[in-house]
Amino acid sequence: MKLKINGEIKTINGPNEEFLLEDLLEYLCYKPQLVVVELNGVIINPKDWISAKIKNGDCLEVVTIVGGGSYS
């Protein structure tokens, strides 16, 4: 399946041609508690990842939350 992930076309080969968003994030090694996901222009609530189906041609933006800063 071909997906556009963070602006890049990627071919995903898995056990079947359909992924749930939760499974795709795990397959791509993202830590679920540290990402925000937009699927085809819509931000998906993490509680809906288990039911959101990913199809060939979908566009995902996965933003990783990074902590940090300075202590002055």
PDB file of N, CA and C in Angstrom:
ATOM      1  N   MET A   1       0.846  -1.164   0.000  1.00  0.00           N
ATOM      2  CA  MET A   1       0.000   0.000   0.000  1.00  0.00           C
ATOM      3  C   MET A   1       0.894   1.231   0.000  1.00  0.00           C
ATOM      4  N   LYS A   2       0.501   2.244  -0.741  1.00  0.00           N
ATOM      5  CA  LYS A   2       1.258   3.492  -0.791  1.00  0.00           C
ATOM      6  C   LYS A   2       0.520   4.545   0.024  1.00  0.00           C
ATOM      7  N   LEU A   3       1.271   5.200   0.911  1.00  0.00           N
ATOM      8  CA  LEU A   3       0.735   6.250   1.764  1.00  0.00           C
ATOM      9  C   LEU A   3       1.645   7.466   1.674  1.00  0.00           C
ATOM     10  N   LYS A   4       1.083   8.623   1.874  1.00  0.00           N
ATOM     11  CA  LYS A   4       1.895   9.831   2.000  1.00  0.00           C
ATOM     12  C   LYS A   4       1.982  10.122   3.494  1.00  0.00           C
ATOM     13  N   ILE A   5       3.196   9.987   4.042  1.00  0.00           N
ATOM     14  CA  ILE A   5       3.408  10.183   5.470  1.00  0.00           C
ATOM     15  C   ILE A   5       4.402  11.321   5.648  1.00  0.00           C
ATOM     16  N   ASN A   6       3.950  12.385   6.297  1.00  0.00           N
ATOM     17  CA  ASN A   6       4.768  13.575   6.523  1.00  0.00           C
ATOM     18  C   ASN A   6       5.412  14.070   5.228  1.00  0.00           C
ATOM     19  N   GLY A   7       4.619  14.073   4.163  1.00  0.00           N
ATOM     20  CA  GLY A   7       5.061  14.626   2.895  1.00  0.00           C
ATOM     21  C   GLY A   7       5.822  13.675   1.990  1.00  0.00           C
ATOM     22  N   GLU A   8       6.116  12.471   2.460  1.00  0.00           N
ATOM     23  CA  GLU A   8       6.858  11.504   1.649  1.00  0.00           C
ATOM     24  C   GLU A   8       5.970  10.317   1.297  1.00  0.00           C
ATOM     25  N   ILE A   9       6.069   9.869   0.047  1.00  0.00           N
ATOM     26  CA  ILE A   9       5.343   8.669  -0.368  1.00  0.00           C
ATOM     27  C   ILE A   9       6.104   7.461   0.163  1.00  0.00           C
ATOM     28  N   LYS A  10       5.386   6.605   0.898  1.00  0.00           N
ATOM     29  CA  LYS A  10       6.006   5.398   1.444  1.00  0.00           C
ATOM     30  C   LYS A  10       5.180   4.191   1.040  1.00  0.00           C
ATOM     31  N   THR A  11       5.873   3.102   0.762  1.00  0.00           N
ATOM     32  CA  THR A  11       5.210   1.835   0.491  1.00  0.00           C
ATOM     33  C   THR A  11       5.253   1.018   1.767  1.00  0.00           C
ATOM     34  N   ILE A  12       4.090   0.612   2.221  1.00  0.00           N
ATOM     35  CA  ILE A  12       3.975  -0.162   3.451  1.00  0.00           C
ATOM     36  C   ILE A  12       3.610  -1.590   3.078  1.00  0.00           C
ATOM     37  N   ASN A  13       4.446  -2.514   3.490  1.00  0.00           N
ATOM     38  CA  ASN A  13       4.179  -3.933   3.256  1.00  0.00           C
ATOM     39  C   ASN A  13       3.870  -4.580   4.597  1.00  0.00           C
ATOM     40  N   GLY A  14       2.698  -5.103   4.707  1.00  0.00           N
ATOM     41  CA  GLY A  14       2.300  -5.750   5.946  1.00  0.00           C
ATOM     42  C   GLY A  14       1.621  -7.064   5.669  1.00  0.00           C
ATOM     43  N   PRO A  15       1.114  -7.690   6.725  1.00  0.00           N
ATOM     44  CA  PRO A  15       0.467  -8.984   6.567  1.00  0.00           C
ATOM     45  C   PRO A  15      -0.814  -8.916   5.730  1.00  0.00           C
ATOM     46  N   ASN A  16      -1.421  -7.735   5.664  1.00  0.00           N
ATOM     47  CA  ASN A  16      -2.595  -7.572   4.807  1.00  0.00           C
ATOM     48  C   ASN A  16      -2.571  -6.160   4.239  1.00  0.00           C
ATOM     49  N   GLU A  17      -3.494  -5.860   3.377  1.00  0.00           N
ATOM     50  CA  GLU A  17      -3.504  -4.555   2.719  1.00  0.00           C
ATOM     51  C   GLU A  17      -4.384  -3.543   3.440  1.00  0.00           C
ATOM     52  N   GLU A  18      -4.723  -3.822   4.674  1.00  0.00           N
ATOM     53  CA  GLU A  18      -5.503  -2.863   5.445  1.00  0.00           C
ATOM     54  C   GLU A  18      -4.897  -2.761   6.828  1.00  0.00           C
ATOM     55  N   PHE A  19      -4.727  -1.544   7.287  1.00  0.00           N
ATOM     56  CA  PHE A  19      -4.218  -1.302   8.631  1.00  0.00           C
ATOM     57  C   PHE A  19      -5.236  -0.467   9.388  1.00  0.00           C
ATOM     58  N   LEU A  20      -5.286  -0.680  10.679  1.00  0.00           N
ATOM     59  CA  LEU A  20      -5.933   0.283  11.548  1.00  0.00           C
ATOM     60  C   LEU A  20      -4.860   1.295  11.907  1.00  0.00           C
ATOM     61  N   LEU A  21      -5.251   2.529  12.171  1.00  0.00           N
ATOM     62  CA  LEU A  21      -4.279   3.575  12.472  1.00  0.00           C
ATOM     63  C   LEU A  21      -3.377   3.166  13.631  1.00  0.00           C
ATOM     64  N   GLU A  22      -3.947   2.584  14.665  1.00  0.00           N
ATOM     65  CA  GLU A  22      -3.168   2.138  15.823  1.00  0.00           C
ATOM     66  C   GLU A  22      -2.079   1.144  15.409  1.00  0.00           C
ATOM     67  N   ASP A  23      -2.429   0.197  14.555  1.00  0.00           N
ATOM     68  CA  ASP A  23      -1.465  -0.808  14.093  1.00  0.00           C
ATOM     69  C   ASP A  23      -0.388  -0.189  13.202  1.00  0.00           C
ATOM     70  N   LEU A  24      -0.785   0.755  12.360  1.00  0.00           N
ATOM     71  CA  LEU A  24       0.184   1.406  11.480  1.00  0.00           C
ATOM     72  C   LEU A  24       1.214   2.189  12.292  1.00  0.00           C
ATOM     73  N   LEU A  25       0.769   2.906  13.311  1.00  0.00           N
ATOM     74  CA  LEU A  25       1.698   3.667  14.142  1.00  0.00           C
ATOM     75  C   LEU A  25       2.692   2.738  14.836  1.00  0.00           C
ATOM     76  N   GLU A  26       2.203   1.599  15.296  1.00  0.00           N
ATOM     77  CA  GLU A  26       3.093   0.614  15.918  1.00  0.00           C
ATOM     78  C   GLU A  26       4.077   0.066  14.882  1.00  0.00           C
ATOM     79  N   TYR A  27       3.592  -0.245  13.698  1.00  0.00           N
ATOM     80  CA  TYR A  27       4.427  -0.766  12.613  1.00  0.00           C
ATOM     81  C   TYR A  27       5.544   0.224  12.263  1.00  0.00           C
ATOM     82  N   LEU A  28       5.219   1.521  12.323  1.00  0.00           N
ATOM     83  CA  LEU A  28       6.183   2.572  11.999  1.00  0.00           C
ATOM     84  C   LEU A  28       7.034   2.987  13.208  1.00  0.00           C
ATOM     85  N   CYS A  29       6.843   2.310  14.334  1.00  0.00           N
ATOM     86  CA  CYS A  29       7.631   2.521  15.571  1.00  0.00           C
ATOM     87  C   CYS A  29       7.402   3.880  16.229  1.00  0.00           C
ATOM     88  N   TYR A  30       6.202   4.425  16.096  1.00  0.00           N
ATOM     89  CA  TYR A  30       5.867   5.651  16.824  1.00  0.00           C
ATOM     90  C   TYR A  30       5.387   5.279  18.221  1.00  0.00           C
ATOM     91  N   LYS A  31       5.681   6.123  19.200  1.00  0.00           N
ATOM     92  CA  LYS A  31       5.179   5.937  20.564  1.00  0.00           C
ATOM     93  C   LYS A  31       3.832   6.658  20.649  1.00  0.00           C
ATOM     94  N   PRO A  32       2.750   5.916  20.838  1.00  0.00           N
ATOM     95  CA  PRO A  32       1.407   6.508  20.775  1.00  0.00           C
ATOM     96  C   PRO A  32       1.185   7.688  21.720  1.00  0.00           C
ATOM     97  N   GLN A  33       1.808   7.651  22.875  1.00  0.00           N
ATOM     98  CA  GLN A  33       1.585   8.729  23.843  1.00  0.00           C
ATOM     99  C   GLN A  33       2.312  10.020  23.463  1.00  0.00           C
ATOM    100  N   LEU A  34       3.151   9.965  22.423  1.00  0.00           N
ATOM    101  CA  LEU A  34       3.946  11.129  22.039  1.00  0.00           C
ATOM    102  C   LEU A  34       3.643  11.678  20.646  1.00  0.00           C
ATOM    103  N   VAL A  35       2.521  11.277  20.046  1.00  0.00           N
ATOM    104  CA  VAL A  35       2.219  11.760  18.701  1.00  0.00           C
ATOM    105  C   VAL A  35       0.799  12.305  18.587  1.00  0.00           C
ATOM    106  N   VAL A  36       0.644  13.183  17.622  1.00  0.00           N
ATOM    107  CA  VAL A  36      -0.660  13.678  17.182  1.00  0.00           C
ATOM    108  C   VAL A  36      -0.744  13.285  15.712  1.00  0.00           C
ATOM    109  N   VAL A  37      -1.901  12.750  15.296  1.00  0.00           N
ATOM    110  CA  VAL A  37      -2.034  12.238  13.935  1.00  0.00           C
ATOM    111  C   VAL A  37      -3.162  12.945  13.198  1.00  0.00           C
ATOM    112  N   GLU A  38      -2.824  13.385  11.982  1.00  0.00           N
ATOM    113  CA  GLU A  38      -3.810  13.949  11.072  1.00  0.00           C
ATOM    114  C   GLU A  38      -3.945  12.975   9.908  1.00  0.00           C
ATOM    115  N   LEU A  39      -5.157  12.544   9.635  1.00  0.00           N
ATOM    116  CA  LEU A  39      -5.437  11.605   8.551  1.00  0.00           C
ATOM    117  C   LEU A  39      -6.314  12.311   7.526  1.00  0.00           C
ATOM    118  N   ASN A  40      -5.765  12.495   6.329  1.00  0.00           N
ATOM    119  CA  ASN A  40      -6.493  13.162   5.246  1.00  0.00           C
ATOM    120  C   ASN A  40      -7.078  14.504   5.686  1.00  0.00           C
ATOM    121  N   GLY A  41      -6.271  15.273   6.441  1.00  0.00           N
ATOM    122  CA  GLY A  41      -6.669  16.617   6.845  1.00  0.00           C
ATOM    123  C   GLY A  41      -7.473  16.717   8.122  1.00  0.00           C
ATOM    124  N   VAL A  42      -7.728  15.595   8.791  1.00  0.00           N
ATOM    125  CA  VAL A  42      -8.528  15.592  10.013  1.00  0.00           C
ATOM    126  C   VAL A  42      -7.698  15.012  11.160  1.00  0.00           C
ATOM    127  N   ILE A  43      -7.608  15.751  12.279  1.00  0.00           N
ATOM    128  CA  ILE A  43      -6.899  15.235  13.447  1.00  0.00           C
ATOM    129  C   ILE A  43      -7.744  14.121  14.055  1.00  0.00           C
ATOM    130  N   ILE A  44      -7.108  12.979  14.296  1.00  0.00           N
ATOM    131  CA  ILE A  44      -7.810  11.806  14.823  1.00  0.00           C
ATOM    132  C   ILE A  44      -7.538  11.687  16.323  1.00  0.00           C
ATOM    133  N   ASN A  45      -8.602  11.625  17.098  1.00  0.00           N
ATOM    134  CA  ASN A  45      -8.490  11.445  18.544  1.00  0.00           C
ATOM    135  C   ASN A  45      -7.862  10.084  18.824  1.00  0.00           C
ATOM    136  N   PRO A  46      -6.901  10.011  19.737  1.00  0.00           N
ATOM    137  CA  PRO A  46      -6.250   8.724  20.025  1.00  0.00           C
ATOM    138  C   PRO A  46      -7.215   7.586  20.373  1.00  0.00           C
ATOM    139  N   LYS A  47      -8.346   7.888  20.986  1.00  0.00           N
ATOM    140  CA  LYS A  47      -9.297   6.814  21.314  1.00  0.00           C
ATOM    141  C   LYS A  47      -9.940   6.221  20.057  1.00  0.00           C
ATOM    142  N   ASP A  48      -9.842   6.935  18.923  1.00  0.00           N
ATOM    143  CA  ASP A  48     -10.408   6.447  17.661  1.00  0.00           C
ATOM    144  C   ASP A  48      -9.391   5.725  16.781  1.00  0.00           C
ATOM    145  N   TRP A  49      -8.128   5.680  17.215  1.00  0.00           N
ATOM    146  CA  TRP A  49      -7.090   5.025  16.416  1.00  0.00           C
ATOM    147  C   TRP A  49      -7.387   3.553  16.195  1.00  0.00           C
ATOM    148  N   ILE A  50      -8.051   2.919  17.147  1.00  0.00           N
ATOM    149  CA  ILE A  50      -8.326   1.478  17.049  1.00  0.00           C
ATOM    150  C   ILE A  50      -9.373   1.169  15.974  1.00  0.00           C
ATOM    151  N   SER A  51     -10.135   2.176  15.566  1.00  0.00           N
ATOM    152  CA  SER A  51     -11.176   1.931  14.557  1.00  0.00           C
ATOM    153  C   SER A  51     -10.936   2.665  13.237  1.00  0.00           C
ATOM    154  N   ALA A  52      -9.951   3.569  13.202  1.00  0.00           N
ATOM    155  CA  ALA A  52      -9.682   4.336  11.978  1.00  0.00           C
ATOM    156  C   ALA A  52      -8.915   3.463  10.989  1.00  0.00           C
ATOM    157  N   LYS A  53      -9.530   3.189   9.848  1.00  0.00           N
ATOM    158  CA  LYS A  53      -8.906   2.334   8.833  1.00  0.00           C
ATOM    159  C   LYS A  53      -8.064   3.171   7.879  1.00  0.00           C
ATOM    160  N   ILE A  54      -6.880   2.661   7.588  1.00  0.00           N
ATOM    161  CA  ILE A  54      -5.966   3.304   6.656  1.00  0.00           C
ATOM    162  C   ILE A  54      -6.083   2.597   5.318  1.00  0.00           C
ATOM    163  N   LYS A  55      -6.254   3.397   4.250  1.00  0.00           N
ATOM    164  CA  LYS A  55      -6.423   2.832   2.916  1.00  0.00           C
ATOM    165  C   LYS A  55      -5.300   3.311   1.997  1.00  0.00           C
ATOM    166  N   ASN A  56      -5.080   2.568   0.955  1.00  0.00           N
ATOM    167  CA  ASN A  56      -4.096   2.943  -0.059  1.00  0.00           C
ATOM    168  C   ASN A  56      -4.372   4.367  -0.526  1.00  0.00           C
ATOM    169  N   GLY A  57      -3.314   5.189  -0.562  1.00  0.00           N
ATOM    170  CA  GLY A  57      -3.448   6.561  -1.027  1.00  0.00           C
ATOM    171  C   GLY A  57      -3.735   7.581   0.054  1.00  0.00           C
ATOM    172  N   ASP A  58      -3.951   7.133   1.296  1.00  0.00           N
ATOM    173  CA  ASP A  58      -4.224   8.062   2.383  1.00  0.00           C
ATOM    174  C   ASP A  58      -3.016   8.944   2.656  1.00  0.00           C
ATOM    175  N   CYS A  59      -3.280  10.100   3.253  1.00  0.00           N
ATOM    176  CA  CYS A  59      -2.239  11.069   3.600  1.00  0.00           C
ATOM    177  C   CYS A  59      -2.246  11.259   5.114  1.00  0.00           C
ATOM    178  N   LEU A  60      -1.095  11.007   5.737  1.00  0.00           N
ATOM    179  CA  LEU A  60      -0.970  11.159   7.181  1.00  0.00           C
ATOM    180  C   LEU A  60       0.108  12.171   7.522  1.00  0.00           C
ATOM    181  N   GLU A  61      -0.159  12.955   8.530  1.00  0.00           N
ATOM    182  CA  GLU A  61       0.856  13.812   9.135  1.00  0.00           C
ATOM    183  C   GLU A  61       0.959  13.327  10.580  1.00  0.00           C
ATOM    184  N   VAL A  62       2.153  12.925  10.959  1.00  0.00           N
ATOM    185  CA  VAL A  62       2.384  12.438  12.314  1.00  0.00           C
ATOM    186  C   VAL A  62       3.370  13.393  12.972  1.00  0.00           C
ATOM    187  N   VAL A  63       2.908  14.079  14.017  1.00  0.00           N
ATOM    188  CA  VAL A  63       3.718  15.065  14.712  1.00  0.00           C
ATOM    189  C   VAL A  63       4.130  14.476  16.054  1.00  0.00           C
ATOM    190  N   THR A  64       5.428  14.443  16.287  1.00  0.00           N
ATOM    191  CA  THR A  64       5.955  13.922  17.537  1.00  0.00           C
ATOM    192  C   THR A  64       6.113  15.058  18.537  1.00  0.00           C
ATOM    193  N   ILE A  65       5.619  14.849  19.743  1.00  0.00           N
ATOM    194  CA  ILE A  65       5.736  15.830  20.809  1.00  0.00           C
ATOM    195  C   ILE A  65       7.093  15.651  21.473  1.00  0.00           C
ATOM    196  N   VAL A  66       7.828  16.755  21.571  1.00  0.00           N
ATOM    197  CA  VAL A  66       9.169  16.709  22.155  1.00  0.00           C
ATOM    198  C   VAL A  66       9.216  17.681  23.325  1.00  0.00           C
ATOM    199  N   GLY A  67       9.674  17.187  24.466  1.00  0.00           N
ATOM    200  CA  GLY A  67       9.818  18.059  25.623  1.00  0.00           C
ATOM    201  C   GLY A  67      11.180  18.720  25.609  1.00  0.00           C
ATOM    202  N   GLY A  68      11.295  19.743  26.375  1.00  0.00           N
ATOM    203  CA  GLY A  68      12.592  20.395  26.474  1.00  0.00           C
ATOM    204  C   GLY A  68      12.425  21.839  26.866  1.00  0.00           C
ATOM    205  N   GLY A  69      13.492  22.539  26.769  1.00  0.00           N
ATOM    206  CA  GLY A  69      13.467  23.949  27.137  1.00  0.00           C
ATOM    207  C   GLY A  69      14.699  24.264  27.962  1.00  0.00           C
ATOM    208  N   SER A  70      14.764  25.457  28.414  1.00  0.00           N
ATOM    209  CA  SER A  70      15.912  25.831  29.236  1.00  0.00           C
ATOM    210  C   SER A  70      15.430  26.260  30.609  1.00  0.00           C
ATOM    211  N   TYR A  71      16.286  26.042  31.554  1.00  0.00           N
ATOM    212  CA  TYR A  71      16.001  26.441  32.924  1.00  0.00           C
ATOM    213  C   TYR A  71      16.956  27.564  33.270  1.00  0.00           C
ATOM    214  N   SER A  72      16.450  28.788  33.296  1.00  0.00           N
ATOM    215  CA  SER A  72      17.324  29.933  33.573  1.00  0.00           C
ATOM    216  C   SER A  72      17.037  30.504  34.927  1.00  0.00           C
TER     217      SER A  72
END
